Amino acid sequence: MHFFDEQVRQQGEYESIHRDLDIGFGTWQFDPTEIENPFPENKGSVHIWQGDEDILVPVTLQRYIAQQLPWIKYHELTGGGHMFPYAEGNSDAILKALLLGQS
């Protein structure tokens, strides 16, 4: 069994996908484009990593949010799907970027 198979099922067979769909297609009580920068003095940063082949979270949505909130550092992974963090090397690359302050 692949490592990511266990991760997907750790909360139950369908719980993780259900939560993702609920967030993606549910009604939110706020507009994400109105979120204020939590680090106005640049003491931290907010990153979004998005696979351009994600069939659950539309890449166009993440692109739009990143364009509306210029303080977000947007990273788009060509060929990446919804589970891209579990693909070999991707988690390491994300952690390296965060720890080394790479954009």
PDB file of N, CA and C in Angstrom:
ATOM      1  N   MET A   1       0.851  -1.190   0.000  1.00  0.00           N
ATOM      2  CA  MET A   1       0.000   0.000   0.000  1.00  0.00           C
ATOM      3  C   MET A   1       0.892   1.247   0.000  1.00  0.00           C
ATOM      4  N   HIS A   2       0.540   2.207  -0.801  1.00  0.00           N
ATOM      5  CA  HIS A   2       1.296   3.446  -0.873  1.00  0.00           C
ATOM      6  C   HIS A   2       1.066   4.270   0.388  1.00  0.00           C
ATOM      7  N   PHE A   3       2.050   5.083   0.736  1.00  0.00           N
ATOM      8  CA  PHE A   3       1.944   5.939   1.918  1.00  0.00           C
ATOM      9  C   PHE A   3       0.714   6.829   1.865  1.00  0.00           C
ATOM     10  N   PHE A   4       0.469   7.444   0.722  1.00  0.00           N
ATOM     11  CA  PHE A   4      -0.642   8.378   0.642  1.00  0.00           C
ATOM     12  C   PHE A   4      -1.994   7.675   0.744  1.00  0.00           C
ATOM     13  N   ASP A   5      -2.069   6.387   0.391  1.00  0.00           N
ATOM     14  CA  ASP A   5      -3.326   5.650   0.547  1.00  0.00           C
ATOM     15  C   ASP A   5      -3.762   5.620   2.010  1.00  0.00           C
ATOM     16  N   GLU A   6      -2.805   5.405   2.901  1.00  0.00           N
ATOM     17  CA  GLU A   6      -3.113   5.391   4.335  1.00  0.00           C
ATOM     18  C   GLU A   6      -3.534   6.775   4.812  1.00  0.00           C
ATOM     19  N   GLN A   7      -2.872   7.814   4.326  1.00  0.00           N
ATOM     20  CA  GLN A   7      -3.193   9.174   4.733  1.00  0.00           C
ATOM     21  C   GLN A   7      -4.615   9.555   4.345  1.00  0.00           C
ATOM     22  N   VAL A   8      -5.016   9.166   3.135  1.00  0.00           N
ATOM     23  CA  VAL A   8      -6.347   9.512   2.638  1.00  0.00           C
ATOM     24  C   VAL A   8      -7.420   8.879   3.512  1.00  0.00           C
ATOM     25  N   ARG A   9      -7.169   7.693   4.003  1.00  0.00           N
ATOM     26  CA  ARG A   9      -8.179   6.944   4.740  1.00  0.00           C
ATOM     27  C   ARG A   9      -8.084   7.078   6.256  1.00  0.00           C
ATOM     28  N   GLN A  10      -7.197   7.903   6.770  1.00  0.00           N
ATOM     29  CA  GLN A  10      -7.007   7.955   8.214  1.00  0.00           C
ATOM     30  C   GLN A  10      -8.224   8.498   8.955  1.00  0.00           C
ATOM     31  N   GLN A  11      -9.079   9.273   8.308  1.00  0.00           N
ATOM     32  CA  GLN A  11     -10.291   9.780   8.950  1.00  0.00           C
ATOM     33  C   GLN A  11     -11.526   9.023   8.482  1.00  0.00           C
ATOM     34  N   GLY A  12     -11.340   7.963   7.770  1.00  0.00           N
ATOM     35  CA  GLY A  12     -12.458   7.204   7.234  1.00  0.00           C
ATOM     36  C   GLY A  12     -12.403   7.208   5.726  1.00  0.00           C
ATOM     37  N   GLU A  13     -13.043   6.236   5.146  1.00  0.00           N
ATOM     38  CA  GLU A  13     -12.966   6.034   3.699  1.00  0.00           C
ATOM     39  C   GLU A  13     -13.356   7.273   2.899  1.00  0.00           C
ATOM     40  N   TYR A  14     -14.397   7.974   3.338  1.00  0.00           N
ATOM     41  CA  TYR A  14     -14.904   9.097   2.545  1.00  0.00           C
ATOM     42  C   TYR A  14     -14.886  10.430   3.285  1.00  0.00           C
ATOM     43  N   GLU A  15     -14.456  10.451   4.527  1.00  0.00           N
ATOM     44  CA  GLU A  15     -14.527  11.678   5.326  1.00  0.00           C
ATOM     45  C   GLU A  15     -13.685  12.802   4.740  1.00  0.00           C
ATOM     46  N   SER A  16     -12.455  12.526   4.350  1.00  0.00           N
ATOM     47  CA  SER A  16     -11.576  13.577   3.827  1.00  0.00           C
ATOM     48  C   SER A  16     -12.126  14.176   2.543  1.00  0.00           C
ATOM     49  N   ILE A  17     -12.566  13.324   1.644  1.00  0.00           N
ATOM     50  CA  ILE A  17     -13.087  13.833   0.370  1.00  0.00           C
ATOM     51  C   ILE A  17     -14.387  14.605   0.610  1.00  0.00           C
ATOM     52  N   HIS A  18     -15.185  14.148   1.567  1.00  0.00           N
ATOM     53  CA  HIS A  18     -16.430  14.842   1.897  1.00  0.00           C
ATOM     54  C   HIS A  18     -16.133  16.253   2.402  1.00  0.00           C
ATOM     55  N   ARG A  19     -15.150  16.380   3.272  1.00  0.00           N
ATOM     56  CA  ARG A  19     -14.791  17.708   3.792  1.00  0.00           C
ATOM     57  C   ARG A  19     -14.288  18.621   2.682  1.00  0.00           C
ATOM     58  N   ASP A  20     -13.469  18.078   1.803  1.00  0.00           N
ATOM     59  CA  ASP A  20     -12.962  18.884   0.687  1.00  0.00           C
ATOM     60  C   ASP A  20     -14.098  19.366  -0.200  1.00  0.00           C
ATOM     61  N   LEU A  21     -15.038  18.482  -0.508  1.00  0.00           N
ATOM     62  CA  LEU A  21     -16.176  18.866  -1.349  1.00  0.00           C
ATOM     63  C   LEU A  21     -17.078  19.867  -0.644  1.00  0.00           C
ATOM     64  N   ASP A  22     -17.265  19.685   0.656  1.00  0.00           N
ATOM     65  CA  ASP A  22     -18.095  20.617   1.428  1.00  0.00           C
ATOM     66  C   ASP A  22     -17.494  22.020   1.407  1.00  0.00           C
ATOM     67  N   ILE A  23     -16.196  22.102   1.559  1.00  0.00           N
ATOM     68  CA  ILE A  23     -15.524  23.404   1.517  1.00  0.00           C
ATOM     69  C   ILE A  23     -15.563  23.983   0.108  1.00  0.00           C
ATOM     70  N   GLY A  24     -15.320  23.140  -0.873  1.00  0.00           N
ATOM     71  CA  GLY A  24     -15.266  23.613  -2.251  1.00  0.00           C
ATOM     72  C   GLY A  24     -16.602  24.050  -2.822  1.00  0.00           C
ATOM     73  N   PHE A  25     -17.678  23.393  -2.394  1.00  0.00           N
ATOM     74  CA  PHE A  25     -18.978  23.667  -3.006  1.00  0.00           C
ATOM     75  C   PHE A  25     -20.024  24.143  -2.011  1.00  0.00           C
ATOM     76  N   GLY A  26     -19.658  24.253  -0.736  1.00  0.00           N
ATOM     77  CA  GLY A  26     -20.608  24.709   0.275  1.00  0.00           C
ATOM     78  C   GLY A  26     -20.705  26.228   0.314  1.00  0.00           C
ATOM     79  N   THR A  27     -21.576  26.712   1.180  1.00  0.00           N
ATOM     80  CA  THR A  27     -21.744  28.151   1.370  1.00  0.00           C
ATOM     81  C   THR A  27     -20.828  28.606   2.501  1.00  0.00           C
ATOM     82  N   TRP A  28     -20.046  29.605   2.231  1.00  0.00           N
ATOM     83  CA  TRP A  28     -19.141  30.146   3.234  1.00  0.00           C
ATOM     84  C   TRP A  28     -19.790  31.356   3.891  1.00  0.00           C
ATOM     85  N   GLN A  29     -19.423  31.628   5.115  1.00  0.00           N
ATOM     86  CA  GLN A  29     -19.967  32.758   5.855  1.00  0.00           C
ATOM     87  C   GLN A  29     -19.131  34.023   5.663  1.00  0.00           C
ATOM     88  N   PHE A  30     -18.166  33.965   4.763  1.00  0.00           N
ATOM     89  CA  PHE A  30     -17.298  35.112   4.509  1.00  0.00           C
ATOM     90  C   PHE A  30     -16.813  35.052   3.063  1.00  0.00           C
ATOM     91  N   ASP A  31     -16.262  36.148   2.611  1.00  0.00           N
ATOM     92  CA  ASP A  31     -15.693  36.218   1.268  1.00  0.00           C
ATOM     93  C   ASP A  31     -14.171  36.076   1.408  1.00  0.00           C
ATOM     94  N   PRO A  32     -13.577  35.013   0.870  1.00  0.00           N
ATOM     95  CA  PRO A  32     -12.136  34.821   1.046  1.00  0.00           C
ATOM     96  C   PRO A  32     -11.284  35.954   0.486  1.00  0.00           C
ATOM     97  N   THR A  33     -11.817  36.712  -0.470  1.00  0.00           N
ATOM     98  CA  THR A  33     -11.022  37.805  -1.034  1.00  0.00           C
ATOM     99  C   THR A  33     -10.978  39.024  -0.114  1.00  0.00           C
ATOM    100  N   GLU A  34     -11.733  38.981   0.985  1.00  0.00           N
ATOM    101  CA  GLU A  34     -11.725  40.089   1.935  1.00  0.00           C
ATOM    102  C   GLU A  34     -10.869  39.797   3.173  1.00  0.00           C
ATOM    103  N   ILE A  35     -10.169  38.681   3.161  1.00  0.00           N
ATOM    104  CA  ILE A  35      -9.299  38.330   4.281  1.00  0.00           C
ATOM    105  C   ILE A  35      -8.131  39.312   4.321  1.00  0.00           C
ATOM    106  N   GLU A  36      -7.820  39.802   5.514  1.00  0.00           N
ATOM    107  CA  GLU A  36      -6.702  40.732   5.671  1.00  0.00           C
ATOM    108  C   GLU A  36      -5.407  39.970   5.916  1.00  0.00           C
ATOM    109  N   ASN A  37      -4.328  40.570   5.509  1.00  0.00           N
ATOM    110  CA  ASN A  37      -3.012  39.977   5.695  1.00  0.00           C
ATOM    111  C   ASN A  37      -2.752  39.778   7.187  1.00  0.00           C
ATOM    112  N   PRO A  38      -2.553  38.524   7.629  1.00  0.00           N
ATOM    113  CA  PRO A  38      -2.278  38.289   9.049  1.00  0.00           C
ATOM    114  C   PRO A  38      -0.862  38.693   9.455  1.00  0.00           C
ATOM    115  N   PHE A  39      -0.040  39.026   8.484  1.00  0.00           N
ATOM    116  CA  PHE A  39       1.350  39.417   8.741  1.00  0.00           C
ATOM    117  C   PHE A  39       1.634  40.768   8.083  1.00  0.00           C
ATOM    118  N   PRO A  40       0.962  41.842   8.516  1.00  0.00           N
ATOM    119  CA  PRO A  40       1.125  43.130   7.834  1.00  0.00           C
ATOM    120  C   PRO A  40       2.546  43.689   7.900  1.00  0.00           C
ATOM    121  N   GLU A  41       3.326  43.246   8.862  1.00  0.00           N
ATOM    122  CA  GLU A  41       4.705  43.732   8.970  1.00  0.00           C
ATOM    123  C   GLU A  41       5.699  42.732   8.388  1.00  0.00           C
ATOM    124  N   ASN A  42       5.195  41.824   7.559  1.00  0.00           N
ATOM    125  CA  ASN A  42       6.020  40.813   6.889  1.00  0.00           C
ATOM    126  C   ASN A  42       6.807  39.934   7.844  1.00  0.00           C
ATOM    127  N   LYS A  43       6.224  39.637   9.020  1.00  0.00           N
ATOM    128  CA  LYS A  43       6.875  38.740   9.970  1.00  0.00           C
ATOM    129  C   LYS A  43       6.517  37.286   9.689  1.00  0.00           C
ATOM    130  N   GLY A  44       5.739  37.048   8.672  1.00  0.00           N
ATOM    131  CA  GLY A  44       5.341  35.710   8.254  1.00  0.00           C
ATOM    132  C   GLY A  44       4.773  35.789   6.860  1.00  0.00           C
ATOM    133  N   SER A  45       4.327  34.663   6.357  1.00  0.00           N
ATOM    134  CA  SER A  45       3.754  34.668   5.017  1.00  0.00           C
ATOM    135  C   SER A  45       2.693  33.573   4.895  1.00  0.00           C
ATOM    136  N   VAL A  46       1.841  33.725   3.910  1.00  0.00           N
ATOM    137  CA  VAL A  46       0.793  32.762   3.611  1.00  0.00           C
ATOM    138  C   VAL A  46       1.062  32.220   2.216  1.00  0.00           C
ATOM    139  N   HIS A  47       1.062  30.907   2.091  1.00  0.00           N
ATOM    140  CA  HIS A  47       1.322  30.260   0.816  1.00  0.00           C
ATOM    141  C   HIS A  47       0.126  29.408   0.417  1.00  0.00           C
ATOM    142  N   ILE A  48      -0.132  29.329  -0.871  1.00  0.00           N
ATOM    143  CA  ILE A  48      -1.095  28.382  -1.431  1.00  0.00           C
ATOM    144  C   ILE A  48      -0.350  27.550  -2.463  1.00  0.00           C
ATOM    145  N   TRP A  49      -0.409  26.245  -2.297  1.00  0.00           N
ATOM    146  CA  TRP A  49       0.109  25.326  -3.300  1.00  0.00           C
ATOM    147  C   TRP A  49      -1.095  24.675  -3.963  1.00  0.00           C
ATOM    148  N   GLN A  50      -1.102  24.660  -5.280  1.00  0.00           N
ATOM    149  CA  GLN A  50      -2.248  24.151  -6.027  1.00  0.00           C
ATOM    150  C   GLN A  50      -1.769  23.349  -7.229  1.00  0.00           C
ATOM    151  N   GLY A  51      -2.294  22.140  -7.377  1.00  0.00           N
ATOM    152  CA  GLY A  51      -2.031  21.348  -8.568  1.00  0.00           C
ATOM    153  C   GLY A  51      -2.943  21.807  -9.700  1.00  0.00           C
ATOM    154  N   ASP A  52      -2.395  22.004 -10.874  1.00  0.00           N
ATOM    155  CA  ASP A  52      -3.221  22.515 -11.977  1.00  0.00           C
ATOM    156  C   ASP A  52      -4.159  21.458 -12.564  1.00  0.00           C
ATOM    157  N   GLU A  53      -4.037  20.210 -12.126  1.00  0.00           N
ATOM    158  CA  GLU A  53      -4.949  19.161 -12.580  1.00  0.00           C
ATOM    159  C   GLU A  53      -5.862  18.675 -11.453  1.00  0.00           C
ATOM    160  N   ASP A  54      -6.005  19.461 -10.410  1.00  0.00           N
ATOM    161  CA  ASP A  54      -6.882  19.124  -9.290  1.00  0.00           C
ATOM    162  C   ASP A  54      -8.330  19.157  -9.775  1.00  0.00           C
ATOM    163  N   ILE A  55      -9.038  18.036  -9.639  1.00  0.00           N
ATOM    164  CA  ILE A  55     -10.431  17.991 -10.095  1.00  0.00           C
ATOM    165  C   ILE A  55     -11.411  18.310  -8.969  1.00  0.00           C
ATOM    166  N   LEU A  56     -10.913  18.498  -7.748  1.00  0.00           N
ATOM    167  CA  LEU A  56     -11.792  18.834  -6.626  1.00  0.00           C
ATOM    168  C   LEU A  56     -11.785  20.321  -6.304  1.00  0.00           C
ATOM    169  N   VAL A  57     -10.627  20.939  -6.351  1.00  0.00           N
ATOM    170  CA  VAL A  57     -10.507  22.373  -6.075  1.00  0.00           C
ATOM    171  C   VAL A  57     -10.068  23.046  -7.376  1.00  0.00           C
ATOM    172  N   PRO A  58     -10.936  23.822  -7.984  1.00  0.00           N
ATOM    173  CA  PRO A  58     -10.602  24.430  -9.279  1.00  0.00           C
ATOM    174  C   PRO A  58      -9.382  25.343  -9.201  1.00  0.00           C
ATOM    175  N   VAL A  59      -8.443  25.121 -10.104  1.00  0.00           N
ATOM    176  CA  VAL A  59      -7.240  25.940 -10.141  1.00  0.00           C
ATOM    177  C   VAL A  59      -7.596  27.400 -10.411  1.00  0.00           C
ATOM    178  N   THR A  60      -8.657  27.627 -11.169  1.00  0.00           N
ATOM    179  CA  THR A  60      -9.059  29.010 -11.459  1.00  0.00           C
ATOM    180  C   THR A  60      -9.485  29.748 -10.193  1.00  0.00           C
ATOM    181  N   LEU A  61     -10.072  29.036  -9.245  1.00  0.00           N
ATOM    182  CA  LEU A  61     -10.464  29.651  -7.976  1.00  0.00           C
ATOM    183  C   LEU A  61      -9.237  30.105  -7.194  1.00  0.00           C
ATOM    184  N   GLN A  62      -8.246  29.241  -7.089  1.00  0.00           N
ATOM    185  CA  GLN A  62      -7.033  29.590  -6.339  1.00  0.00           C
ATOM    186  C   GLN A  62      -6.260  30.711  -7.030  1.00  0.00           C
ATOM    187  N   ARG A  63      -6.218  30.679  -8.347  1.00  0.00           N
ATOM    188  CA  ARG A  63      -5.558  31.768  -9.079  1.00  0.00           C
ATOM    189  C   ARG A  63      -6.243  33.097  -8.798  1.00  0.00           C
ATOM    190  N   TYR A  64      -7.579  33.076  -8.822  1.00  0.00           N
ATOM    191  CA  TYR A  64      -8.349  34.292  -8.578  1.00  0.00           C
ATOM    192  C   TYR A  64      -8.093  34.836  -7.170  1.00  0.00           C
ATOM    193  N   ILE A  65      -8.147  33.971  -6.181  1.00  0.00           N
ATOM    194  CA  ILE A  65      -7.911  34.406  -4.798  1.00  0.00           C
ATOM    195  C   ILE A  65      -6.501  34.976  -4.649  1.00  0.00           C
ATOM    196  N   ALA A  66      -5.522  34.314  -5.241  1.00  0.00           N
ATOM    197  CA  ALA A  66      -4.142  34.799  -5.160  1.00  0.00           C
ATOM    198  C   ALA A  66      -3.981  36.153  -5.851  1.00  0.00           C
ATOM    199  N   GLN A  67      -4.728  36.377  -6.930  1.00  0.00           N
ATOM    200  CA  GLN A  67      -4.662  37.671  -7.610  1.00  0.00           C
ATOM    201  C   GLN A  67      -5.314  38.767  -6.772  1.00  0.00           C
ATOM    202  N   GLN A  68      -6.363  38.431  -6.044  1.00  0.00           N
ATOM    203  CA  GLN A  68      -7.076  39.407  -5.230  1.00  0.00           C
ATOM    204  C   GLN A  68      -6.333  39.736  -3.935  1.00  0.00           C
ATOM    205  N   LEU A  69      -5.529  38.804  -3.471  1.00  0.00           N
ATOM    206  CA  LEU A  69      -4.781  38.987  -2.220  1.00  0.00           C
ATOM    207  C   LEU A  69      -3.286  38.897  -2.533  1.00  0.00           C
ATOM    208  N   PRO A  70      -2.680  40.013  -2.926  1.00  0.00           N
ATOM    209  CA  PRO A  70      -1.294  39.985  -3.394  1.00  0.00           C
ATOM    210  C   PRO A  70      -0.273  39.576  -2.338  1.00  0.00           C
ATOM    211  N   TRP A  71      -0.666  39.532  -1.088  1.00  0.00           N
ATOM    212  CA  TRP A  71       0.262  39.116  -0.035  1.00  0.00           C
ATOM    213  C   TRP A  71       0.378  37.591   0.066  1.00  0.00           C
ATOM    214  N   ILE A  72      -0.445  36.862  -0.686  1.00  0.00           N
ATOM    215  CA  ILE A  72      -0.345  35.404  -0.716  1.00  0.00           C
ATOM    216  C   ILE A  72       0.703  34.998  -1.747  1.00  0.00           C
ATOM    217  N   LYS A  73       1.546  34.058  -1.365  1.00  0.00           N
ATOM    218  CA  LYS A  73       2.531  33.505  -2.295  1.00  0.00           C
ATOM    219  C   LYS A  73       1.902  32.245  -2.914  1.00  0.00           C
ATOM    220  N   TYR A  74       1.655  32.326  -4.205  1.00  0.00           N
ATOM    221  CA  TYR A  74       0.943  31.258  -4.913  1.00  0.00           C
ATOM    222  C   TYR A  74       1.923  30.368  -5.662  1.00  0.00           C
ATOM    223  N   HIS A  75       1.773  29.068  -5.473  1.00  0.00           N
ATOM    224  CA  HIS A  75       2.630  28.083  -6.124  1.00  0.00           C
ATOM    225  C   HIS A  75       1.732  27.109  -6.875  1.00  0.00           C
ATOM    226  N   GLU A  76       1.884  27.036  -8.175  1.00  0.00           N
ATOM    227  CA  GLU A  76       1.072  26.120  -8.973  1.00  0.00           C
ATOM    228  C   GLU A  76       1.960  25.001  -9.507  1.00  0.00           C
ATOM    229  N   LEU A  77       1.543  23.783  -9.263  1.00  0.00           N
ATOM    230  CA  LEU A  77       2.319  22.625  -9.686  1.00  0.00           C
ATOM    231  C   LEU A  77       1.736  22.022 -10.964  1.00  0.00           C
ATOM    232  N   THR A  78       2.501  22.092 -12.024  1.00  0.00           N
ATOM    233  CA  THR A  78       2.088  21.539 -13.308  1.00  0.00           C
ATOM    234  C   THR A  78       1.946  20.025 -13.182  1.00  0.00           C
ATOM    235  N   GLY A  79       0.789  19.542 -13.591  1.00  0.00           N
ATOM    236  CA  GLY A  79       0.531  18.103 -13.544  1.00  0.00           C
ATOM    237  C   GLY A  79       0.102  17.596 -12.186  1.00  0.00           C
ATOM    238  N   GLY A  80       0.010  18.473 -11.201  1.00  0.00           N
ATOM    239  CA  GLY A  80      -0.367  18.069  -9.851  1.00  0.00           C
ATOM    240  C   GLY A  80      -1.871  17.972  -9.689  1.00  0.00           C
ATOM    241  N   GLY A  81      -2.310  16.949  -8.985  1.00  0.00           N
ATOM    242  CA  GLY A  81      -3.718  16.782  -8.676  1.00  0.00           C
ATOM    243  C   GLY A  81      -3.993  17.155  -7.225  1.00  0.00           C
ATOM    244  N   HIS A  82      -5.120  16.705  -6.716  1.00  0.00           N
ATOM    245  CA  HIS A  82      -5.540  17.063  -5.368  1.00  0.00           C
ATOM    246  C   HIS A  82      -4.609  16.487  -4.298  1.00  0.00           C
ATOM    247  N   MET A  83      -4.014  15.355  -4.570  1.00  0.00           N
ATOM    248  CA  MET A  83      -3.164  14.692  -3.581  1.00  0.00           C
ATOM    249  C   MET A  83      -1.675  14.919  -3.837  1.00  0.00           C
ATOM    250  N   PHE A  84      -1.324  15.992  -4.538  1.00  0.00           N
ATOM    251  CA  PHE A  84       0.079  16.232  -4.895  1.00  0.00           C
ATOM    252  C   PHE A  84       1.028  16.271  -3.705  1.00  0.00           C
ATOM    253  N   PRO A  85       0.596  16.714  -2.494  1.00  0.00           N
ATOM    254  CA  PRO A  85       1.572  16.741  -1.400  1.00  0.00           C
ATOM    255  C   PRO A  85       2.121  15.361  -1.045  1.00  0.00           C
ATOM    256  N   TYR A  86       1.378  14.305  -1.385  1.00  0.00           N
ATOM    257  CA  TYR A  86       1.820  12.955  -1.055  1.00  0.00           C
ATOM    258  C   TYR A  86       2.676  12.326  -2.143  1.00  0.00           C
ATOM    259  N   ALA A  87       2.828  12.985  -3.269  1.00  0.00           N
ATOM    260  CA  ALA A  87       3.707  12.484  -4.318  1.00  0.00           C
ATOM    261  C   ALA A  87       5.155  12.646  -3.858  1.00  0.00           C
ATOM    262  N   GLU A  88       5.971  11.739  -4.261  1.00  0.00           N
ATOM    263  CA  GLU A  88       7.361  11.717  -3.801  1.00  0.00           C
ATOM    264  C   GLU A  88       8.080  13.041  -4.027  1.00  0.00           C
ATOM    265  N   GLY A  89       8.653  13.581  -2.971  1.00  0.00           N
ATOM    266  CA  GLY A  89       9.455  14.791  -3.035  1.00  0.00           C
ATOM    267  C   GLY A  89       8.693  16.090  -2.849  1.00  0.00           C
ATOM    268  N   ASN A  90       7.379  16.090  -3.045  1.00  0.00           N
ATOM    269  CA  ASN A  90       6.630  17.340  -2.964  1.00  0.00           C
ATOM    270  C   ASN A  90       6.559  17.898  -1.549  1.00  0.00           C
ATOM    271  N   SER A  91       6.318  17.060  -0.561  1.00  0.00           N
ATOM    272  CA  SER A  91       6.268  17.555   0.821  1.00  0.00           C
ATOM    273  C   SER A  91       7.603  18.149   1.234  1.00  0.00           C
ATOM    274  N   ASP A  92       8.681  17.496   0.835  1.00  0.00           N
ATOM    275  CA  ASP A  92      10.013  18.016   1.148  1.00  0.00           C
ATOM    276  C   ASP A  92      10.244  19.376   0.501  1.00  0.00           C
ATOM    277  N   ALA A  93       9.811  19.520  -0.744  1.00  0.00           N
ATOM    278  CA  ALA A  93       9.992  20.795  -1.453  1.00  0.00           C
ATOM    279  C   ALA A  93       9.176  21.907  -0.793  1.00  0.00           C
ATOM    280  N   ILE A  94       7.968  21.593  -0.350  1.00  0.00           N
ATOM    281  CA  ILE A  94       7.121  22.578   0.320  1.00  0.00           C
ATOM    282  C   ILE A  94       7.756  23.002   1.640  1.00  0.00           C
ATOM    283  N   LEU A  95       8.169  22.057   2.438  1.00  0.00           N
ATOM    284  CA  LEU A  95       8.805  22.380   3.726  1.00  0.00           C
ATOM    285  C   LEU A  95      10.086  23.180   3.529  1.00  0.00           C
ATOM    286  N   LYS A  96      10.870  22.821   2.540  1.00  0.00           N
ATOM    287  CA  LYS A  96      12.111  23.550   2.249  1.00  0.00           C
ATOM    288  C   LYS A  96      11.796  24.997   1.893  1.00  0.00           C
ATOM    289  N   ALA A  97      10.778  25.203   1.064  1.00  0.00           N
ATOM    290  CA  ALA A  97      10.408  26.565   0.670  1.00  0.00           C
ATOM    291  C   ALA A  97       9.950  27.374   1.877  1.00  0.00           C
ATOM    292  N   LEU A  98       9.184  26.745   2.765  1.00  0.00           N
ATOM    293  CA  LEU A  98       8.696  27.460   3.943  1.00  0.00           C
ATOM    294  C   LEU A  98       9.826  27.763   4.924  1.00  0.00           C
ATOM    295  N   LEU A  99      10.663  26.789   5.194  1.00  0.00           N
ATOM    296  CA  LEU A  99      11.734  26.962   6.185  1.00  0.00           C
ATOM    297  C   LEU A  99      12.838  27.900   5.718  1.00  0.00           C
ATOM    298  N   LEU A 100      13.091  27.904   4.415  1.00  0.00           N
ATOM    299  CA  LEU A 100      14.138  28.760   3.881  1.00  0.00           C
ATOM    300  C   LEU A 100      13.614  30.118   3.402  1.00  0.00           C
ATOM    301  N   GLY A 101      12.291  30.319   3.523  1.00  0.00           N
ATOM    302  CA  GLY A 101      11.714  31.592   3.131  1.00  0.00           C
ATOM    303  C   GLY A 101      11.710  31.829   1.634  1.00  0.00           C
ATOM    304  N   GLN A 102      11.665  30.751   0.864  1.00  0.00           N
ATOM    305  CA  GLN A 102      11.639  30.897  -0.592  1.00  0.00           C
ATOM    306  C   GLN A 102      10.237  31.233  -1.046  1.00  0.00           C
ATOM    307  N   SER A 103      10.127  32.013  -2.098  1.00  0.00           N
ATOM    308  CA  SER A 103       8.792  32.367  -2.596  1.00  0.00           C
ATOM    309  C   SER A 103       8.369  31.476  -3.730  1.00  0.00           C
TER     310      SER A 103
END
